Amino acid sequence: MKGYPDAPRCGFSALAVKVLQQYGVPISARDILSDLKLKETVKAYSNWPTFPQIFIKGEFVGGSDIILSMHQKGELKELLGDIAQKGEENGSS
């Protein structure tokens, strides 16, 4: 992502964080703006040109627009599965 969850540096990264925080899931992030080699490596790995890039359980899902759409359709909660349930049980929804 651009920035970090507590200080996103673009609107798309902020949106991704906002959506994921609704499920109380842990967010592991790297600031691609401070590491251009990492940025290019991740783009090549995922074959996706833009950031943020969301990986869930080790699988590339897409960007903020895709997880927002999945959230609105109820698909994101299903994909997150037990990870989301643990966060919701702790009052982080």
PDB file of N, CA and C in Angstrom:
ATOM      1  N   MET A   1       0.833  -1.172   0.000  1.00  0.00           N
ATOM      2  CA  MET A   1       0.000   0.000   0.000  1.00  0.00           C
ATOM      3  C   MET A   1       0.877   1.234   0.000  1.00  0.00           C
ATOM      4  N   LYS A   2       0.259   2.337  -0.217  1.00  0.00           N
ATOM      5  CA  LYS A   2       0.977   3.603  -0.142  1.00  0.00           C
ATOM      6  C   LYS A   2       0.784   4.137   1.271  1.00  0.00           C
ATOM      7  N   GLY A   3       1.860   4.095   2.048  1.00  0.00           N
ATOM      8  CA  GLY A   3       1.785   4.473   3.447  1.00  0.00           C
ATOM      9  C   GLY A   3       1.589   3.245   4.321  1.00  0.00           C
ATOM     10  N   TYR A   4       0.980   3.462   5.474  1.00  0.00           N
ATOM     11  CA  TYR A   4       0.712   2.390   6.437  1.00  0.00           C
ATOM     12  C   TYR A   4      -0.735   2.504   6.898  1.00  0.00           C
ATOM     13  N   PRO A   5      -1.290   1.444   7.497  1.00  0.00           N
ATOM     14  CA  PRO A   5      -2.698   1.493   7.906  1.00  0.00           C
ATOM     15  C   PRO A   5      -3.051   2.701   8.777  1.00  0.00           C
ATOM     16  N   ASP A   6      -2.134   3.106   9.646  1.00  0.00           N
ATOM     17  CA  ASP A   6      -2.424   4.255  10.508  1.00  0.00           C
ATOM     18  C   ASP A   6      -2.133   5.593   9.827  1.00  0.00           C
ATOM     19  N   ALA A   7      -1.524   5.543   8.640  1.00  0.00           N
ATOM     20  CA  ALA A   7      -1.229   6.773   7.891  1.00  0.00           C
ATOM     21  C   ALA A   7      -1.172   6.476   6.389  1.00  0.00           C
ATOM     22  N   PRO A   8      -2.326   6.136   5.795  1.00  0.00           N
ATOM     23  CA  PRO A   8      -2.346   5.872   4.349  1.00  0.00           C
ATOM     24  C   PRO A   8      -1.966   7.130   3.575  1.00  0.00           C
ATOM     25  N   ARG A   9      -1.297   6.935   2.425  1.00  0.00           N
ATOM     26  CA  ARG A   9      -0.833   8.079   1.643  1.00  0.00           C
ATOM     27  C   ARG A   9      -1.570   8.225   0.324  1.00  0.00           C
ATOM     28  N   CYS A  10      -2.716   7.549   0.195  1.00  0.00           N
ATOM     29  CA  CYS A  10      -3.589   7.762  -0.959  1.00  0.00           C
ATOM     30  C   CYS A  10      -4.998   7.320  -0.579  1.00  0.00           C
ATOM     31  N   GLY A  11      -5.969   7.821  -1.299  1.00  0.00           N
ATOM     32  CA  GLY A  11      -7.362   7.506  -1.004  1.00  0.00           C
ATOM     33  C   GLY A  11      -7.701   6.036  -1.168  1.00  0.00           C
ATOM     34  N   PHE A  12      -7.085   5.370  -2.131  1.00  0.00           N
ATOM     35  CA  PHE A  12      -7.366   3.952  -2.358  1.00  0.00           C
ATOM     36  C   PHE A  12      -6.835   3.099  -1.212  1.00  0.00           C
ATOM     37  N   SER A  13      -5.655   3.442  -0.719  1.00  0.00           N
ATOM     38  CA  SER A  13      -5.095   2.727   0.428  1.00  0.00           C
ATOM     39  C   SER A  13      -5.946   2.976   1.670  1.00  0.00           C
ATOM     40  N   ALA A  14      -6.401   4.212   1.847  1.00  0.00           N
ATOM     41  CA  ALA A  14      -7.264   4.540   2.985  1.00  0.00           C
ATOM     42  C   ALA A  14      -8.568   3.751   2.915  1.00  0.00           C
ATOM     43  N   LEU A  15      -9.138   3.623   1.722  1.00  0.00           N
ATOM     44  CA  LEU A  15     -10.373   2.863   1.544  1.00  0.00           C
ATOM     45  C   LEU A  15     -10.161   1.396   1.893  1.00  0.00           C
ATOM     46  N   ALA A  16      -9.070   0.814   1.436  1.00  0.00           N
ATOM     47  CA  ALA A  16      -8.781  -0.590   1.735  1.00  0.00           C
ATOM     48  C   ALA A  16      -8.679  -0.813   3.239  1.00  0.00           C
ATOM     49  N   VAL A  17      -7.975   0.067   3.923  1.00  0.00           N
ATOM     50  CA  VAL A  17      -7.831  -0.042   5.373  1.00  0.00           C
ATOM     51  C   VAL A  17      -9.195   0.070   6.043  1.00  0.00           C
ATOM     52  N   LYS A  18      -9.995   1.037   5.630  1.00  0.00           N
ATOM     53  CA  LYS A  18     -11.318   1.249   6.227  1.00  0.00           C
ATOM     54  C   LYS A  18     -12.194   0.002   6.079  1.00  0.00           C
ATOM     55  N   VAL A  19     -12.191  -0.598   4.898  1.00  0.00           N
ATOM     56  CA  VAL A  19     -12.998  -1.802   4.671  1.00  0.00           C
ATOM     57  C   VAL A  19     -12.499  -2.940   5.551  1.00  0.00           C
ATOM     58  N   LEU A  20     -11.199  -3.195   5.547  1.00  0.00           N
ATOM     59  CA  LEU A  20     -10.654  -4.316   6.309  1.00  0.00           C
ATOM     60  C   LEU A  20     -10.819  -4.124   7.813  1.00  0.00           C
ATOM     61  N   GLN A  21     -10.734  -2.888   8.290  1.00  0.00           N
ATOM     62  CA  GLN A  21     -10.887  -2.634   9.720  1.00  0.00           C
ATOM     63  C   GLN A  21     -12.287  -2.980  10.214  1.00  0.00           C
ATOM     64  N   GLN A  22     -13.267  -2.966   9.335  1.00  0.00           N
ATOM     65  CA  GLN A  22     -14.628  -3.325   9.732  1.00  0.00           C
ATOM     66  C   GLN A  22     -14.720  -4.785  10.177  1.00  0.00           C
ATOM     67  N   TYR A  23     -13.765  -5.603   9.763  1.00  0.00           N
ATOM     68  CA  TYR A  23     -13.766  -7.018  10.114  1.00  0.00           C
ATOM     69  C   TYR A  23     -12.834  -7.335  11.269  1.00  0.00           C
ATOM     70  N   GLY A  24     -12.097  -6.343  11.729  1.00  0.00           N
ATOM     71  CA  GLY A  24     -11.200  -6.547  12.854  1.00  0.00           C
ATOM     72  C   GLY A  24     -10.046  -7.482  12.552  1.00  0.00           C
ATOM     73  N   VAL A  25      -9.683  -7.588  11.286  1.00  0.00           N
ATOM     74  CA  VAL A  25      -8.595  -8.491  10.911  1.00  0.00           C
ATOM     75  C   VAL A  25      -7.253  -7.780  11.028  1.00  0.00           C
ATOM     76  N   PRO A  26      -6.202  -8.529  11.329  1.00  0.00           N
ATOM     77  CA  PRO A  26      -4.877  -7.904  11.357  1.00  0.00           C
ATOM     78  C   PRO A  26      -4.465  -7.501   9.943  1.00  0.00           C
ATOM     79  N   ILE A  27      -3.855  -6.346   9.824  1.00  0.00           N
ATOM     80  CA  ILE A  27      -3.404  -5.851   8.524  1.00  0.00           C
ATOM     81  C   ILE A  27      -1.884  -5.758   8.555  1.00  0.00           C
ATOM     82  N   SER A  28      -1.253  -6.501   7.674  1.00  0.00           N
ATOM     83  CA  SER A  28       0.194  -6.434   7.516  1.00  0.00           C
ATOM     84  C   SER A  28       0.458  -5.630   6.249  1.00  0.00           C
ATOM     85  N   ALA A  29       1.177  -4.527   6.368  1.00  0.00           N
ATOM     86  CA  ALA A  29       1.350  -3.632   5.223  1.00  0.00           C
ATOM     87  C   ALA A  29       2.806  -3.225   5.053  1.00  0.00           C
ATOM     88  N   ARG A  30       3.143  -2.938   3.819  1.00  0.00           N
ATOM     89  CA  ARG A  30       4.453  -2.391   3.473  1.00  0.00           C
ATOM     90  C   ARG A  30       4.229  -1.133   2.650  1.00  0.00           C
ATOM     91  N   ASP A  31       5.005  -0.104   2.922  1.00  0.00           N
ATOM     92  CA  ASP A  31       4.889   1.157   2.183  1.00  0.00           C
ATOM     93  C   ASP A  31       5.716   1.064   0.909  1.00  0.00           C
ATOM     94  N   ILE A  32       5.044   0.890  -0.223  1.00  0.00           N
ATOM     95  CA  ILE A  32       5.750   0.738  -1.491  1.00  0.00           C
ATOM     96  C   ILE A  32       6.358   2.057  -1.968  1.00  0.00           C
ATOM     97  N   LEU A  33       5.937   3.159  -1.400  1.00  0.00           N
ATOM     98  CA  LEU A  33       6.513   4.453  -1.787  1.00  0.00           C
ATOM     99  C   LEU A  33       7.939   4.616  -1.268  1.00  0.00           C
ATOM    100  N   SER A  34       8.274   3.884  -0.218  1.00  0.00           N
ATOM    101  CA  SER A  34       9.621   3.995   0.344  1.00  0.00           C
ATOM    102  C   SER A  34      10.553   2.889  -0.154  1.00  0.00           C
ATOM    103  N   ASP A  35      10.033   1.981  -0.989  1.00  0.00           N
ATOM    104  CA  ASP A  35      10.848   0.880  -1.493  1.00  0.00           C
ATOM    105  C   ASP A  35      10.427   0.553  -2.925  1.00  0.00           C
ATOM    106  N   LEU A  36      11.045   1.225  -3.883  1.00  0.00           N
ATOM    107  CA  LEU A  36      10.658   1.053  -5.288  1.00  0.00           C
ATOM    108  C   LEU A  36      10.935  -0.352  -5.810  1.00  0.00           C
ATOM    109  N   LYS A  37      11.975  -1.009  -5.291  1.00  0.00           N
ATOM    110  CA  LYS A  37      12.253  -2.387  -5.706  1.00  0.00           C
ATOM    111  C   LYS A  37      11.114  -3.302  -5.263  1.00  0.00           C
ATOM    112  N   LEU A  38      10.648  -3.122  -4.046  1.00  0.00           N
ATOM    113  CA  LEU A  38       9.512  -3.900  -3.550  1.00  0.00           C
ATOM    114  C   LEU A  38       8.283  -3.638  -4.411  1.00  0.00           C
ATOM    115  N   LYS A  39       8.050  -2.384  -4.747  1.00  0.00           N
ATOM    116  CA  LYS A  39       6.897  -2.018  -5.577  1.00  0.00           C
ATOM    117  C   LYS A  39       6.915  -2.785  -6.891  1.00  0.00           C
ATOM    118  N   GLU A  40       8.032  -2.779  -7.577  1.00  0.00           N
ATOM    119  CA  GLU A  40       8.134  -3.457  -8.871  1.00  0.00           C
ATOM    120  C   GLU A  40       8.037  -4.974  -8.721  1.00  0.00           C
ATOM    121  N   THR A  41       8.611  -5.508  -7.652  1.00  0.00           N
ATOM    122  CA  THR A  41       8.557  -6.949  -7.410  1.00  0.00           C
ATOM    123  C   THR A  41       7.124  -7.407  -7.167  1.00  0.00           C
ATOM    124  N   VAL A  42       6.390  -6.679  -6.358  1.00  0.00           N
ATOM    125  CA  VAL A  42       5.002  -7.041  -6.062  1.00  0.00           C
ATOM    126  C   VAL A  42       4.142  -6.923  -7.313  1.00  0.00           C
ATOM    127  N   LYS A  43       4.338  -5.866  -8.092  1.00  0.00           N
ATOM    128  CA  LYS A  43       3.581  -5.703  -9.343  1.00  0.00           C
ATOM    129  C   LYS A  43       3.820  -6.884 -10.282  1.00  0.00           C
ATOM    130  N   ALA A  44       5.062  -7.327 -10.391  1.00  0.00           N
ATOM    131  CA  ALA A  44       5.386  -8.458 -11.266  1.00  0.00           C
ATOM    132  C   ALA A  44       4.791  -9.757 -10.723  1.00  0.00           C
ATOM    133  N   TYR A  45       4.853  -9.932  -9.412  1.00  0.00           N
ATOM    134  CA  TYR A  45       4.343 -11.155  -8.783  1.00  0.00           C
ATOM    135  C   TYR A  45       2.837 -11.305  -8.985  1.00  0.00           C
ATOM    136  N   SER A  46       2.111 -10.224  -8.769  1.00  0.00           N
ATOM    137  CA  SER A  46       0.645 -10.276  -8.838  1.00  0.00           C
ATOM    138  C   SER A  46       0.111 -10.040 -10.246  1.00  0.00           C
ATOM    139  N   ASN A  47       0.969  -9.519 -11.122  1.00  0.00           N
ATOM    140  CA  ASN A  47       0.539  -9.127 -12.468  1.00  0.00           C
ATOM    141  C   ASN A  47      -0.590  -8.091 -12.384  1.00  0.00           C
ATOM    142  N   TRP A  48      -0.448  -7.163 -11.444  1.00  0.00           N
ATOM    143  CA  TRP A  48      -1.445  -6.124 -11.185  1.00  0.00           C
ATOM    144  C   TRP A  48      -0.704  -4.798 -11.101  1.00  0.00           C
ATOM    145  N   PRO A  49      -1.124  -3.775 -11.834  1.00  0.00           N
ATOM    146  CA  PRO A  49      -0.324  -2.555 -11.941  1.00  0.00           C
ATOM    147  C   PRO A  49      -0.510  -1.517 -10.838  1.00  0.00           C
ATOM    148  N   THR A  50      -1.564  -1.622 -10.051  1.00  0.00           N
ATOM    149  CA  THR A  50      -1.876  -0.543  -9.112  1.00  0.00           C
ATOM    150  C   THR A  50      -1.813  -1.015  -7.663  1.00  0.00           C
ATOM    151  N   PHE A  51      -1.813  -0.035  -6.767  1.00  0.00           N
ATOM    152  CA  PHE A  51      -1.784  -0.290  -5.326  1.00  0.00           C
ATOM    153  C   PHE A  51      -2.917   0.461  -4.669  1.00  0.00           C
ATOM    154  N   PRO A  52      -3.417  -0.051  -3.548  1.00  0.00           N
ATOM    155  CA  PRO A  52      -2.918  -1.187  -2.786  1.00  0.00           C
ATOM    156  C   PRO A  52      -3.233  -2.513  -3.462  1.00  0.00           C
ATOM    157  N   GLN A  53      -2.481  -3.517  -3.063  1.00  0.00           N
ATOM    158  CA  GLN A  53      -2.735  -4.881  -3.508  1.00  0.00           C
ATOM    159  C   GLN A  53      -3.057  -5.695  -2.265  1.00  0.00           C
ATOM    160  N   ILE A  54      -4.232  -6.296  -2.272  1.00  0.00           N
ATOM    161  CA  ILE A  54      -4.712  -7.015  -1.099  1.00  0.00           C
ATOM    162  C   ILE A  54      -4.495  -8.513  -1.289  1.00  0.00           C
ATOM    163  N   PHE A  55      -3.802  -9.108  -0.328  1.00  0.00           N
ATOM    164  CA  PHE A  55      -3.601 -10.554  -0.287  1.00  0.00           C
ATOM    165  C   PHE A  55      -4.313 -11.066   0.958  1.00  0.00           C
ATOM    166  N   ILE A  56      -5.118 -12.091   0.807  1.00  0.00           N
ATOM    167  CA  ILE A  56      -5.823 -12.691   1.938  1.00  0.00           C
ATOM    168  C   ILE A  56      -5.479 -14.167   1.965  1.00  0.00           C
ATOM    169  N   LYS A  57      -4.968 -14.604   3.106  1.00  0.00           N
ATOM    170  CA  LYS A  57      -4.532 -15.993   3.274  1.00  0.00           C
ATOM    171  C   LYS A  57      -3.540 -16.380   2.181  1.00  0.00           C
ATOM    172  N   GLY A  58      -2.654 -15.449   1.836  1.00  0.00           N
ATOM    173  CA  GLY A  58      -1.605 -15.703   0.870  1.00  0.00           C
ATOM    174  C   GLY A  58      -2.005 -15.602  -0.587  1.00  0.00           C
ATOM    175  N   GLU A  59      -3.264 -15.326  -0.861  1.00  0.00           N
ATOM    176  CA  GLU A  59      -3.747 -15.243  -2.235  1.00  0.00           C
ATOM    177  C   GLU A  59      -4.049 -13.794  -2.604  1.00  0.00           C
ATOM    178  N   PHE A  60      -3.639 -13.395  -3.799  1.00  0.00           N
ATOM    179  CA  PHE A  60      -3.929 -12.046  -4.274  1.00  0.00           C
ATOM    180  C   PHE A  60      -5.416 -11.928  -4.592  1.00  0.00           C
ATOM    181  N   VAL A  61      -6.059 -10.906  -4.027  1.00  0.00           N
ATOM    182  CA  VAL A  61      -7.495 -10.683  -4.230  1.00  0.00           C
ATOM    183  C   VAL A  61      -7.730  -9.543  -5.211  1.00  0.00           C
ATOM    184  N   GLY A  62      -6.979  -8.454  -5.084  1.00  0.00           N
ATOM    185  CA  GLY A  62      -7.158  -7.303  -5.960  1.00  0.00           C
ATOM    186  C   GLY A  62      -6.874  -6.022  -5.209  1.00  0.00           C
ATOM    187  N   GLY A  63      -7.444  -4.934  -5.702  1.00  0.00           N
ATOM    188  CA  GLY A  63      -7.248  -3.630  -5.099  1.00  0.00           C
ATOM    189  C   GLY A  63      -8.424  -3.214  -4.239  1.00  0.00           C
ATOM    190  N   SER A  64      -8.422  -1.954  -3.843  1.00  0.00           N
ATOM    191  CA  SER A  64      -9.463  -1.450  -2.938  1.00  0.00           C
ATOM    192  C   SER A  64     -10.847  -1.521  -3.562  1.00  0.00           C
ATOM    193  N   ASP A  65     -10.946  -1.295  -4.872  1.00  0.00           N
ATOM    194  CA  ASP A  65     -12.258  -1.361  -5.524  1.00  0.00           C
ATOM    195  C   ASP A  65     -12.839  -2.768  -5.473  1.00  0.00           C
ATOM    196  N   ILE A  66     -11.989  -3.760  -5.603  1.00  0.00           N
ATOM    197  CA  ILE A  66     -12.458  -5.147  -5.578  1.00  0.00           C
ATOM    198  C   ILE A  66     -12.885  -5.551  -4.176  1.00  0.00           C
ATOM    199  N   ILE A  67     -12.094  -5.203  -3.155  1.00  0.00           N
ATOM    200  CA  ILE A  67     -12.522  -5.610  -1.815  1.00  0.00           C
ATOM    201  C   ILE A  67     -13.749  -4.820  -1.365  1.00  0.00           C
ATOM    202  N   LEU A  68     -13.907  -3.583  -1.830  1.00  0.00           N
ATOM    203  CA  LEU A  68     -15.122  -2.832  -1.511  1.00  0.00           C
ATOM    204  C   LEU A  68     -16.328  -3.534  -2.124  1.00  0.00           C
ATOM    205  N   SER A  69     -16.226  -3.937  -3.368  1.00  0.00           N
ATOM    206  CA  SER A  69     -17.314  -4.652  -4.032  1.00  0.00           C
ATOM    207  C   SER A  69     -17.608  -5.971  -3.325  1.00  0.00           C
ATOM    208  N   MET A  70     -16.563  -6.698  -2.956  1.00  0.00           N
ATOM    209  CA  MET A  70     -16.747  -7.961  -2.237  1.00  0.00           C
ATOM    210  C   MET A  70     -17.424  -7.724  -0.891  1.00  0.00           C
ATOM    211  N   HIS A  71     -17.039  -6.653  -0.210  1.00  0.00           N
ATOM    212  CA  HIS A  71     -17.645  -6.293   1.078  1.00  0.00           C
ATOM    213  C   HIS A  71     -19.137  -6.017   0.895  1.00  0.00           C
ATOM    214  N   GLN A  72     -19.472  -5.246  -0.119  1.00  0.00           N
ATOM    215  CA  GLN A  72     -20.871  -4.883  -0.360  1.00  0.00           C
ATOM    216  C   GLN A  72     -21.725  -6.095  -0.716  1.00  0.00           C
ATOM    217  N   LYS A  73     -21.128  -7.101  -1.325  1.00  0.00           N
ATOM    218  CA  LYS A  73     -21.859  -8.313  -1.718  1.00  0.00           C
ATOM    219  C   LYS A  73     -21.839  -9.397  -0.639  1.00  0.00           C
ATOM    220  N   GLY A  74     -21.109  -9.164   0.454  1.00  0.00           N
ATOM    221  CA  GLY A  74     -20.991 -10.160   1.507  1.00  0.00           C
ATOM    222  C   GLY A  74     -19.926 -11.214   1.234  1.00  0.00           C
ATOM    223  N   GLU A  75     -19.217 -11.075   0.128  1.00  0.00           N
ATOM    224  CA  GLU A  75     -18.206 -12.065  -0.253  1.00  0.00           C
ATOM    225  C   GLU A  75     -16.925 -11.941   0.573  1.00  0.00           C
ATOM    226  N   LEU A  76     -16.602 -10.735   1.017  1.00  0.00           N
ATOM    227  CA  LEU A  76     -15.362 -10.529   1.760  1.00  0.00           C
ATOM    228  C   LEU A  76     -15.430 -11.223   3.113  1.00  0.00           C
ATOM    229  N   LYS A  77     -16.554 -11.121   3.787  1.00  0.00           N
ATOM    230  CA  LYS A  77     -16.709 -11.784   5.087  1.00  0.00           C
ATOM    231  C   LYS A  77     -16.543 -13.287   4.934  1.00  0.00           C
ATOM    232  N   GLU A  78     -17.112 -13.827   3.870  1.00  0.00           N
ATOM    233  CA  GLU A  78     -16.991 -15.260   3.606  1.00  0.00           C
ATOM    234  C   GLU A  78     -15.531 -15.641   3.343  1.00  0.00           C
ATOM    235  N   LEU A  79     -14.838 -14.839   2.556  1.00  0.00           N
ATOM    236  CA  LEU A  79     -13.437 -15.115   2.244  1.00  0.00           C
ATOM    237  C   LEU A  79     -12.558 -15.027   3.491  1.00  0.00           C
ATOM    238  N   LEU A  80     -12.817 -14.043   4.320  1.00  0.00           N
ATOM    239  CA  LEU A  80     -12.021 -13.871   5.537  1.00  0.00           C
ATOM    240  C   LEU A  80     -12.291 -14.979   6.542  1.00  0.00           C
ATOM    241  N   GLY A  81     -13.502 -15.534   6.502  1.00  0.00           N
ATOM    242  CA  GLY A  81     -13.855 -16.681   7.332  1.00  0.00           C
ATOM    243  C   GLY A  81     -13.574 -16.488   8.797  1.00  0.00           C
ATOM    244  N   ASP A  82     -12.848 -17.442   9.369  1.00  0.00           N
ATOM    245  CA  ASP A  82     -12.588 -17.434  10.806  1.00  0.00           C
ATOM    246  C   ASP A  82     -11.741 -16.251  11.240  1.00  0.00           C
ATOM    247  N   ILE A  83     -10.970 -15.672  10.345  1.00  0.00           N
ATOM    248  CA  ILE A  83     -10.179 -14.487  10.702  1.00  0.00           C
ATOM    249  C   ILE A  83     -11.115 -13.345  11.070  1.00  0.00           C
ATOM    250  N   ALA A  84     -12.165 -13.132  10.261  1.00  0.00           N
ATOM    251  CA  ALA A  84     -13.132 -12.063  10.526  1.00  0.00           C
ATOM    252  C   ALA A  84     -13.939 -12.367  11.772  1.00  0.00           C
ATOM    253  N   GLN A  85     -14.322 -13.622  11.973  1.00  0.00           N
ATOM    254  CA  GLN A  85     -15.132 -13.986  13.129  1.00  0.00           C
ATOM    255  C   GLN A  85     -14.392 -13.704  14.423  1.00  0.00           C
ATOM    256  N   LYS A  86     -13.097 -13.987  14.468  1.00  0.00           N
ATOM    257  CA  LYS A  86     -12.310 -13.714  15.670  1.00  0.00           C
ATOM    258  C   LYS A  86     -12.277 -12.221  15.961  1.00  0.00           C
ATOM    259  N   GLY A  87     -12.122 -11.399  14.934  1.00  0.00           N
ATOM    260  CA  GLY A  87     -12.109  -9.951  15.116  1.00  0.00           C
ATOM    261  C   GLY A  87     -13.440  -9.438  15.603  1.00  0.00           C
ATOM    262  N   GLU A  88     -14.537  -9.979  15.049  1.00  0.00           N
ATOM    263  CA  GLU A  88     -15.871  -9.544  15.449  1.00  0.00           C
ATOM    264  C   GLU A  88     -16.175  -9.957  16.882  1.00  0.00           C
ATOM    265  N   GLU A  89     -15.692 -11.129  17.312  1.00  0.00           N
ATOM    266  CA  GLU A  89     -15.914 -11.577  18.684  1.00  0.00           C
ATOM    267  C   GLU A  89     -15.217 -10.668  19.681  1.00  0.00           C
ATOM    268  N   ASN A  90     -14.118 -10.067  19.268  1.00  0.00           N
ATOM    269  CA  ASN A  90     -13.368  -9.164  20.139  1.00  0.00           C
ATOM    270  C   ASN A  90     -13.898  -7.741  20.096  1.00  0.00           C
ATOM    271  N   GLY A  91     -15.027  -7.535  19.417  1.00  0.00           N
ATOM    272  CA  GLY A  91     -15.637  -6.215  19.361  1.00  0.00           C
ATOM    273  C   GLY A  91     -15.045  -5.304  18.320  1.00  0.00           C
ATOM    274  N   SER A  92     -14.344  -5.847  17.358  1.00  0.00           N
ATOM    275  CA  SER A  92     -13.718  -5.036  16.316  1.00  0.00           C
ATOM    276  C   SER A  92     -14.465  -5.205  15.014  1.00  0.00           C
ATOM    277  N   SER A  93     -15.642  -4.658  14.911  1.00  0.00           N
ATOM    278  CA  SER A  93     -16.380  -4.812  13.656  1.00  0.00           C
ATOM    279  C   SER A  93     -16.682  -3.480  13.033  1.00  0.00           C
TER     280      SER A  93
END
